[in-house]
Amino acid sequence: MKIRPMALAAVVSSVLLMGCTNTTALQQSVNDLSAKVDALSNDVSMMKNDVSETKNTSGMAYDEAKRANKRIDNMAQSYTK
């Protein structure tokens, strides 16, 4: 019978101690993590813009290379032995 009141006392004291914990440090940690997430989100959006610019540039370079190859092929076809 003595075990039940001792266990109840342990649970109650644990709950009371959890209520007295320092929440300002936890809030500061959450704020720091939120700031880091925001910074990473900004970095990702900037990288997405860079990727789209690079994709457009590579597409233009590919088109220009195709056009140059066609010109070379046309020059080679005009020479016959």
PDB file of N, CA and C in Angstrom:
ATOM      1  N   MET A   1       0.797  -1.199   0.000  1.00  0.00           N
ATOM      2  CA  MET A   1       0.000   0.000   0.000  1.00  0.00           C
ATOM      3  C   MET A   1       0.839   1.262   0.000  1.00  0.00           C
ATOM      4  N   LYS A   2       2.035   1.202   0.588  1.00  0.00           N
ATOM      5  CA  LYS A   2       2.872   2.390   0.660  1.00  0.00           C
ATOM      6  C   LYS A   2       3.449   2.766  -0.709  1.00  0.00           C
ATOM      7  N   ILE A   3       3.485   1.817  -1.619  1.00  0.00           N
ATOM      8  CA  ILE A   3       4.060   2.082  -2.943  1.00  0.00           C
ATOM      9  C   ILE A   3       3.169   3.033  -3.735  1.00  0.00           C
ATOM     10  N   ARG A   4       1.877   2.891  -3.609  1.00  0.00           N
ATOM     11  CA  ARG A   4       0.948   3.724  -4.357  1.00  0.00           C
ATOM     12  C   ARG A   4       1.093   5.212  -3.999  1.00  0.00           C
ATOM     13  N   PRO A   5       1.096   5.607  -2.741  1.00  0.00           N
ATOM     14  CA  PRO A   5       1.266   7.027  -2.417  1.00  0.00           C
ATOM     15  C   PRO A   5       2.644   7.550  -2.813  1.00  0.00           C
ATOM     16  N   MET A   6       3.680   6.713  -2.728  1.00  0.00           N
ATOM     17  CA  MET A   6       5.025   7.148  -3.123  1.00  0.00           C
ATOM     18  C   MET A   6       5.085   7.382  -4.638  1.00  0.00           C
ATOM     19  N   ALA A   7       4.475   6.507  -5.415  1.00  0.00           N
ATOM     20  CA  ALA A   7       4.452   6.668  -6.859  1.00  0.00           C
ATOM     21  C   ALA A   7       3.645   7.898  -7.236  1.00  0.00           C
ATOM     22  N   LEU A   8       2.537   8.099  -6.573  1.00  0.00           N
ATOM     23  CA  LEU A   8       1.715   9.275  -6.831  1.00  0.00           C
ATOM     24  C   LEU A   8       2.481  10.549  -6.495  1.00  0.00           C
ATOM     25  N   ALA A   9       3.216  10.526  -5.403  1.00  0.00           N
ATOM     26  CA  ALA A   9       4.012  11.694  -5.017  1.00  0.00           C
ATOM     27  C   ALA A   9       5.105  11.967  -6.048  1.00  0.00           C
ATOM     28  N   ALA A  10       5.718  10.930  -6.576  1.00  0.00           N
ATOM     29  CA  ALA A  10       6.757  11.096  -7.600  1.00  0.00           C
ATOM     30  C   ALA A  10       6.173  11.699  -8.873  1.00  0.00           C
ATOM     31  N   VAL A  11       5.017  11.233  -9.288  1.00  0.00           N
ATOM     32  CA  VAL A  11       4.373  11.760 -10.493  1.00  0.00           C
ATOM     33  C   VAL A  11       3.984  13.215 -10.288  1.00  0.00           C
ATOM     34  N   VAL A  12       3.407  13.533  -9.162  1.00  0.00           N
ATOM     35  CA  VAL A  12       2.980  14.908  -8.886  1.00  0.00           C
ATOM     36  C   VAL A  12       4.189  15.838  -8.839  1.00  0.00           C
ATOM     37  N   SER A  13       5.262  15.421  -8.190  1.00  0.00           N
ATOM     38  CA  SER A  13       6.453  16.282  -8.123  1.00  0.00           C
ATOM     39  C   SER A  13       7.074  16.474  -9.502  1.00  0.00           C
ATOM     40  N   SER A  14       7.045  15.447 -10.339  1.00  0.00           N
ATOM     41  CA  SER A  14       7.563  15.572 -11.700  1.00  0.00           C
ATOM     42  C   SER A  14       6.750  16.577 -12.507  1.00  0.00           C
ATOM     43  N   VAL A  15       5.444  16.509 -12.364  1.00  0.00           N
ATOM     44  CA  VAL A  15       4.573  17.441 -13.082  1.00  0.00           C
ATOM     45  C   VAL A  15       4.814  18.863 -12.605  1.00  0.00           C
ATOM     46  N   LEU A  16       4.963  19.043 -11.315  1.00  0.00           N
ATOM     47  CA  LEU A  16       5.224  20.383 -10.783  1.00  0.00           C
ATOM     48  C   LEU A  16       6.567  20.925 -11.252  1.00  0.00           C
ATOM     49  N   LEU A  17       7.572  20.067 -11.304  1.00  0.00           N
ATOM     50  CA  LEU A  17       8.876  20.521 -11.774  1.00  0.00           C
ATOM     51  C   LEU A  17       8.853  20.867 -13.257  1.00  0.00           C
ATOM     52  N   MET A  18       8.081  20.139 -14.036  1.00  0.00           N
ATOM     53  CA  MET A  18       7.990  20.450 -15.457  1.00  0.00           C
ATOM     54  C   MET A  18       7.299  21.790 -15.668  1.00  0.00           C
ATOM     55  N   GLY A  19       6.408  22.147 -14.807  1.00  0.00           N
ATOM     56  CA  GLY A  19       5.728  23.430 -14.919  1.00  0.00           C
ATOM     57  C   GLY A  19       6.635  24.593 -14.576  1.00  0.00           C
ATOM     58  N   CYS A  20       7.692  24.348 -13.833  1.00  0.00           N
ATOM     59  CA  CYS A  20       8.601  25.413 -13.412  1.00  0.00           C
ATOM     60  C   CYS A  20       9.836  25.525 -14.301  1.00  0.00           C
ATOM     61  N   THR A  21       9.887  24.826 -15.407  1.00  0.00           N
ATOM     62  CA  THR A  21      11.071  24.880 -16.262  1.00  0.00           C
ATOM     63  C   THR A  21      11.180  26.243 -16.919  1.00  0.00           C
ATOM     64  N   ASN A  22      12.375  26.548 -17.380  1.00  0.00           N
ATOM     65  CA  ASN A  22      12.668  27.833 -18.000  1.00  0.00           C
ATOM     66  C   ASN A  22      12.216  27.800 -19.457  1.00  0.00           C
ATOM     67  N   THR A  23      11.160  28.496 -19.778  1.00  0.00           N
ATOM     68  CA  THR A  23      10.638  28.493 -21.143  1.00  0.00           C
ATOM     69  C   THR A  23      11.278  29.569 -22.008  1.00  0.00           C
ATOM     70  N   THR A  24      11.966  30.536 -21.422  1.00  0.00           N
ATOM     71  CA  THR A  24      12.585  31.577 -22.239  1.00  0.00           C
ATOM     72  C   THR A  24      13.716  31.005 -23.071  1.00  0.00           C
ATOM     73  N   ALA A  25      14.486  30.075 -22.520  1.00  0.00           N
ATOM     74  CA  ALA A  25      15.566  29.451 -23.297  1.00  0.00           C
ATOM     75  C   ALA A  25      14.982  28.627 -24.433  1.00  0.00           C
ATOM     76  N   LEU A  26      13.902  27.937 -24.156  1.00  0.00           N
ATOM     77  CA  LEU A  26      13.241  27.156 -25.192  1.00  0.00           C
ATOM     78  C   LEU A  26      12.690  28.067 -26.281  1.00  0.00           C
ATOM     79  N   GLN A  27      12.084  29.176 -25.898  1.00  0.00           N
ATOM     80  CA  GLN A  27      11.540  30.127 -26.875  1.00  0.00           C
ATOM     81  C   GLN A  27      12.652  30.735 -27.717  1.00  0.00           C
ATOM     82  N   GLN A  28      13.788  31.040 -27.089  1.00  0.00           N
ATOM     83  CA  GLN A  28      14.925  31.593 -27.825  1.00  0.00           C
ATOM     84  C   GLN A  28      15.445  30.569 -28.834  1.00  0.00           C
ATOM     85  N   SER A  29      15.495  29.319 -28.424  1.00  0.00           N
ATOM     86  CA  SER A  29      15.942  28.259 -29.329  1.00  0.00           C
ATOM     87  C   SER A  29      14.993  28.113 -30.510  1.00  0.00           C
ATOM     88  N   VAL A  30      13.702  28.179 -30.249  1.00  0.00           N
ATOM     89  CA  VAL A  30      12.709  28.093 -31.328  1.00  0.00           C
ATOM     90  C   VAL A  30      12.845  29.287 -32.268  1.00  0.00           C
ATOM     91  N   ASN A  31      13.055  30.470 -31.716  1.00  0.00           N
ATOM     92  CA  ASN A  31      13.225  31.666 -32.550  1.00  0.00           C
ATOM     93  C   ASN A  31      14.475  31.560 -33.416  1.00  0.00           C
ATOM     94  N   ASP A  32      15.570  31.051 -32.839  1.00  0.00           N
ATOM     95  CA  ASP A  32      16.800  30.872 -33.618  1.00  0.00           C
ATOM     96  C   ASP A  32      16.593  29.886 -34.759  1.00  0.00           C
ATOM     97  N   LEU A  33      15.920  28.774 -34.461  1.00  0.00           N
ATOM     98  CA  LEU A  33      15.655  27.790 -35.506  1.00  0.00           C
ATOM     99  C   LEU A  33      14.732  28.342 -36.585  1.00  0.00           C
ATOM    100  N   SER A  34      13.770  29.143 -36.197  1.00  0.00           N
ATOM    101  CA  SER A  34      12.872  29.759 -37.181  1.00  0.00           C
ATOM    102  C   SER A  34      13.638  30.709 -38.094  1.00  0.00           C
ATOM    103  N   ALA A  35      14.557  31.468 -37.512  1.00  0.00           N
ATOM    104  CA  ALA A  35      15.373  32.378 -38.321  1.00  0.00           C
ATOM    105  C   ALA A  35      16.244  31.597 -39.304  1.00  0.00           C
ATOM    106  N   LYS A  36      16.792  30.479 -38.854  1.00  0.00           N
ATOM    107  CA  LYS A  36      17.618  29.665 -39.740  1.00  0.00           C
ATOM    108  C   LYS A  36      16.780  29.060 -40.865  1.00  0.00           C
ATOM    109  N   VAL A  37      15.572  28.618 -40.551  1.00  0.00           N
ATOM    110  CA  VAL A  37      14.692  28.062 -41.580  1.00  0.00           C
ATOM    111  C   VAL A  37      14.340  29.138 -42.609  1.00  0.00           C
ATOM    112  N   ASP A  38      14.071  30.355 -42.143  1.00  0.00           N
ATOM    113  CA  ASP A  38      13.771  31.450 -43.066  1.00  0.00           C
ATOM    114  C   ASP A  38      14.957  31.746 -43.969  1.00  0.00           C
ATOM    115  N   ALA A  39      16.161  31.752 -43.392  1.00  0.00           N
ATOM    116  CA  ALA A  39      17.359  32.004 -44.187  1.00  0.00           C
ATOM    117  C   ALA A  39      17.560  30.908 -45.226  1.00  0.00           C
ATOM    118  N   LEU A  40      17.344  29.665 -44.842  1.00  0.00           N
ATOM    119  CA  LEU A  40      17.476  28.566 -45.795  1.00  0.00           C
ATOM    120  C   LEU A  40      16.422  28.652 -46.894  1.00  0.00           C
ATOM    121  N   SER A  41      15.227  29.061 -46.549  1.00  0.00           N
ATOM    122  CA  SER A  41      14.176  29.219 -47.556  1.00  0.00           C
ATOM    123  C   SER A  41      14.560  30.288 -48.575  1.00  0.00           C
ATOM    124  N   ASN A  42      15.129  31.382 -48.084  1.00  0.00           N
ATOM    125  CA  ASN A  42      15.586  32.431 -48.996  1.00  0.00           C
ATOM    126  C   ASN A  42      16.701  31.927 -49.898  1.00  0.00           C
ATOM    127  N   ASP A  43      17.636  31.161 -49.333  1.00  0.00           N
ATOM    128  CA  ASP A  43      18.723  30.606 -50.138  1.00  0.00           C
ATOM    129  C   ASP A  43      18.192  29.665 -51.213  1.00  0.00           C
ATOM    130  N   VAL A  44      17.220  28.845 -50.864  1.00  0.00           N
ATOM    131  CA  VAL A  44      16.647  27.910 -51.830  1.00  0.00           C
ATOM    132  C   VAL A  44      15.948  28.663 -52.956  1.00  0.00           C
ATOM    133  N   SER A  45      15.224  29.714 -52.624  1.00  0.00           N
ATOM    134  CA  SER A  45      14.529  30.465 -53.682  1.00  0.00           C
ATOM    135  C   SER A  45      15.532  31.159 -54.602  1.00  0.00           C
ATOM    136  N   MET A  46      16.634  31.664 -54.039  1.00  0.00           N
ATOM    137  CA  MET A  46      17.667  32.267 -54.893  1.00  0.00           C
ATOM    138  C   MET A  46      18.307  31.215 -55.787  1.00  0.00           C
ATOM    139  N   MET A  47      18.527  30.012 -55.254  1.00  0.00           N
ATOM    140  CA  MET A  47      19.117  28.944 -56.064  1.00  0.00           C
ATOM    141  C   MET A  47      18.172  28.503 -57.162  1.00  0.00           C
ATOM    142  N   LYS A  48      16.877  28.507 -56.887  1.00  0.00           N
ATOM    143  CA  LYS A  48      15.911  28.156 -57.927  1.00  0.00           C
ATOM    144  C   LYS A  48      15.988  29.155 -59.072  1.00  0.00           C
ATOM    145  N   ASN A  49      16.143  30.435 -58.753  1.00  0.00           N
ATOM    146  CA  ASN A  49      16.276  31.451 -59.790  1.00  0.00           C
ATOM    147  C   ASN A  49      17.550  31.229 -60.592  1.00  0.00           C
ATOM    148  N   ASP A  50      18.649  30.913 -59.895  1.00  0.00           N
ATOM    149  CA  ASP A  50      19.910  30.655 -60.585  1.00  0.00           C
ATOM    150  C   ASP A  50      19.805  29.443 -61.504  1.00  0.00           C
ATOM    151  N   VAL A  51      19.122  28.403 -61.046  1.00  0.00           N
ATOM    152  CA  VAL A  51      18.964  27.196 -61.858  1.00  0.00           C
ATOM    153  C   VAL A  51      18.150  27.502 -63.113  1.00  0.00           C
ATOM    154  N   SER A  52      17.094  28.280 -62.964  1.00  0.00           N
ATOM    155  CA  SER A  52      16.278  28.597 -64.141  1.00  0.00           C
ATOM    156  C   SER A  52      17.059  29.463 -65.130  1.00  0.00           C
ATOM    157  N   GLU A  53      17.876  30.392 -64.628  1.00  0.00           N
ATOM    158  CA  GLU A  53      18.709  31.204 -65.516  1.00  0.00           C
ATOM    159  C   GLU A  53      19.731  30.336 -66.232  1.00  0.00           C
ATOM    160  N   THR A  54      20.335  29.407 -65.511  1.00  0.00           N
ATOM    161  CA  THR A  54      21.320  28.514 -66.105  1.00  0.00           C
ATOM    162  C   THR A  54      20.672  27.615 -67.143  1.00  0.00           C
ATOM    163  N   LYS A  55      19.458  27.159 -66.855  1.00  0.00           N
ATOM    164  CA  LYS A  55      18.746  26.319 -67.810  1.00  0.00           C
ATOM    165  C   LYS A  55      18.465  27.088 -69.097  1.00  0.00           C
ATOM    166  N   ASN A  56      18.048  28.332 -68.975  1.00  0.00           N
ATOM    167  CA  ASN A  56      17.787  29.149 -70.163  1.00  0.00           C
ATOM    168  C   ASN A  56      19.067  29.377 -70.953  1.00  0.00           C
ATOM    169  N   THR A  57      20.153  29.668 -70.249  1.00  0.00           N
ATOM    170  CA  THR A  57      21.428  29.917 -70.918  1.00  0.00           C
ATOM    171  C   THR A  57      21.929  28.666 -71.624  1.00  0.00           C
ATOM    172  N   SER A  58      21.806  27.512 -70.963  1.00  0.00           N
ATOM    173  CA  SER A  58      22.268  26.273 -71.597  1.00  0.00           C
ATOM    174  C   SER A  58      21.404  25.928 -72.800  1.00  0.00           C
ATOM    175  N   GLY A  59      20.112  26.227 -72.731  1.00  0.00           N
ATOM    176  CA  GLY A  59      19.242  25.999 -73.881  1.00  0.00           C
ATOM    177  C   GLY A  59      19.638  26.863 -75.066  1.00  0.00           C
ATOM    178  N   MET A  60      19.972  28.113 -74.799  1.00  0.00           N
ATOM    179  CA  MET A  60      20.419  29.000 -75.888  1.00  0.00           C
ATOM    180  C   MET A  60      21.740  28.517 -76.468  1.00  0.00           C
ATOM    181  N   ALA A  61      22.661  28.058 -75.623  1.00  0.00           N
ATOM    182  CA  ALA A  61      23.946  27.555 -76.105  1.00  0.00           C
ATOM    183  C   ALA A  61      23.747  26.294 -76.933  1.00  0.00           C
ATOM    184  N   TYR A  62      22.828  25.440 -76.519  1.00  0.00           N
ATOM    185  CA  TYR A  62      22.546  24.225 -77.280  1.00  0.00           C
ATOM    186  C   TYR A  62      21.980  24.574 -78.657  1.00  0.00           C
ATOM    187  N   ASP A  63      21.048  25.511 -78.692  1.00  0.00           N
ATOM    188  CA  ASP A  63      20.470  25.928 -79.977  1.00  0.00           C
ATOM    189  C   ASP A  63      21.529  26.526 -80.888  1.00  0.00           C
ATOM    190  N   GLU A  64      22.427  27.315 -80.336  1.00  0.00           N
ATOM    191  CA  GLU A  64      23.490  27.923 -81.130  1.00  0.00           C
ATOM    192  C   GLU A  64      24.455  26.861 -81.657  1.00  0.00           C
ATOM    193  N   ALA A  65      24.746  25.851 -80.838  1.00  0.00           N
ATOM    194  CA  ALA A  65      25.623  24.770 -81.286  1.00  0.00           C
ATOM    195  C   ALA A  65      24.962  23.963 -82.400  1.00  0.00           C
ATOM    196  N   LYS A  66      23.649  23.718 -82.288  1.00  0.00           N
ATOM    197  CA  LYS A  66      22.937  23.018 -83.360  1.00  0.00           C
ATOM    198  C   LYS A  66      22.991  23.815 -84.657  1.00  0.00           C
ATOM    199  N   ARG A  67      22.810  25.120 -84.543  1.00  0.00           N
ATOM    200  CA  ARG A  67      22.838  25.967 -85.741  1.00  0.00           C
ATOM    201  C   ARG A  67      24.225  25.956 -86.371  1.00  0.00           C
ATOM    202  N   ALA A  68      25.261  26.001 -85.546  1.00  0.00           N
ATOM    203  CA  ALA A  68      26.626  25.972 -86.073  1.00  0.00           C
ATOM    204  C   ALA A  68      26.921  24.624 -86.739  1.00  0.00           C
ATOM    205  N   ASN A  69      26.449  23.551 -86.135  1.00  0.00           N
ATOM    206  CA  ASN A  69      26.669  22.228 -86.739  1.00  0.00           C
ATOM    207  C   ASN A  69      25.964  22.108 -88.086  1.00  0.00           C
ATOM    208  N   LYS A  70      24.773  22.678 -88.196  1.00  0.00           N
ATOM    209  CA  LYS A  70      24.070  22.653 -89.477  1.00  0.00           C
ATOM    210  C   LYS A  70      24.849  23.418 -90.539  1.00  0.00           C
ATOM    211  N   ARG A  71      25.405  24.560 -90.141  1.00  0.00           N
ATOM    212  CA  ARG A  71      26.197  25.333 -91.099  1.00  0.00           C
ATOM    213  C   ARG A  71      27.424  24.547 -91.543  1.00  0.00           C
ATOM    214  N   ILE A  72      28.072  23.872 -90.621  1.00  0.00           N
ATOM    215  CA  ILE A  72      29.247  23.063 -90.968  1.00  0.00           C
ATOM    216  C   ILE A  72      28.846  21.916 -91.872  1.00  0.00           C
ATOM    217  N   ASP A  73      27.717  21.264 -91.566  1.00  0.00           N
ATOM    218  CA  ASP A  73      27.239  20.174 -92.415  1.00  0.00           C
ATOM    219  C   ASP A  73      26.931  20.674 -93.822  1.00  0.00           C
ATOM    220  N   ASN A  74      26.343  21.848 -93.945  1.00  0.00           N
ATOM    221  CA  ASN A  74      26.035  22.403 -95.257  1.00  0.00           C
ATOM    222  C   ASN A  74      27.309  22.717 -96.022  1.00  0.00           C
ATOM    223  N   MET A  75      28.325  23.204 -95.331  1.00  0.00           N
ATOM    224  CA  MET A  75      29.595  23.498 -95.982  1.00  0.00           C
ATOM    225  C   MET A  75      30.240  22.188 -96.478  1.00  0.00           C
ATOM    226  N   ALA A  76      30.177  21.138 -95.699  1.00  0.00           N
ATOM    227  CA  ALA A  76      30.789  19.862 -96.058  1.00  0.00           C
ATOM    228  C   ALA A  76      30.061  19.224 -97.230  1.00  0.00           C
ATOM    229  N   GLN A  77      28.762  19.415 -97.350  1.00  0.00           N
ATOM    230  CA  GLN A  77      28.001  18.815 -98.449  1.00  0.00           C
ATOM    231  C   GLN A  77      28.297  19.514 -99.759  1.00  0.00           C
ATOM    232  N   SER A  78      28.701  20.757 -99.741  1.00  0.00           N
ATOM    233  CA  SER A  78      28.948  21.469-100.981  1.00  0.00           C
ATOM    234  C   SER A  78      30.269  21.057-101.629  1.00  0.00           C
ATOM    235  N   TYR A  79      31.189  20.454-100.843  1.00  0.00           N
ATOM    236  CA  TYR A  79      32.452  19.971-101.410  1.00  0.00           C
ATOM    237  C   TYR A  79      32.300  18.530-101.842  1.00  0.00           C
ATOM    238  N   THR A  80      32.570  18.263-103.107  1.00  0.00           N
ATOM    239  CA  THR A  80      32.541  16.892-103.617  1.00  0.00           C
ATOM    240  C   THR A  80      33.804  16.635-104.383  1.00  0.00           C
ATOM    241  N   LYS A  81      34.179  15.382-104.463  1.00  0.00           N
ATOM    242  CA  LYS A  81      35.373  15.019-105.215  1.00  0.00           C
ATOM    243  C   LYS A  81      35.014  14.701-106.639  1.00  0.00           C
TER     244      LYS A  81
END
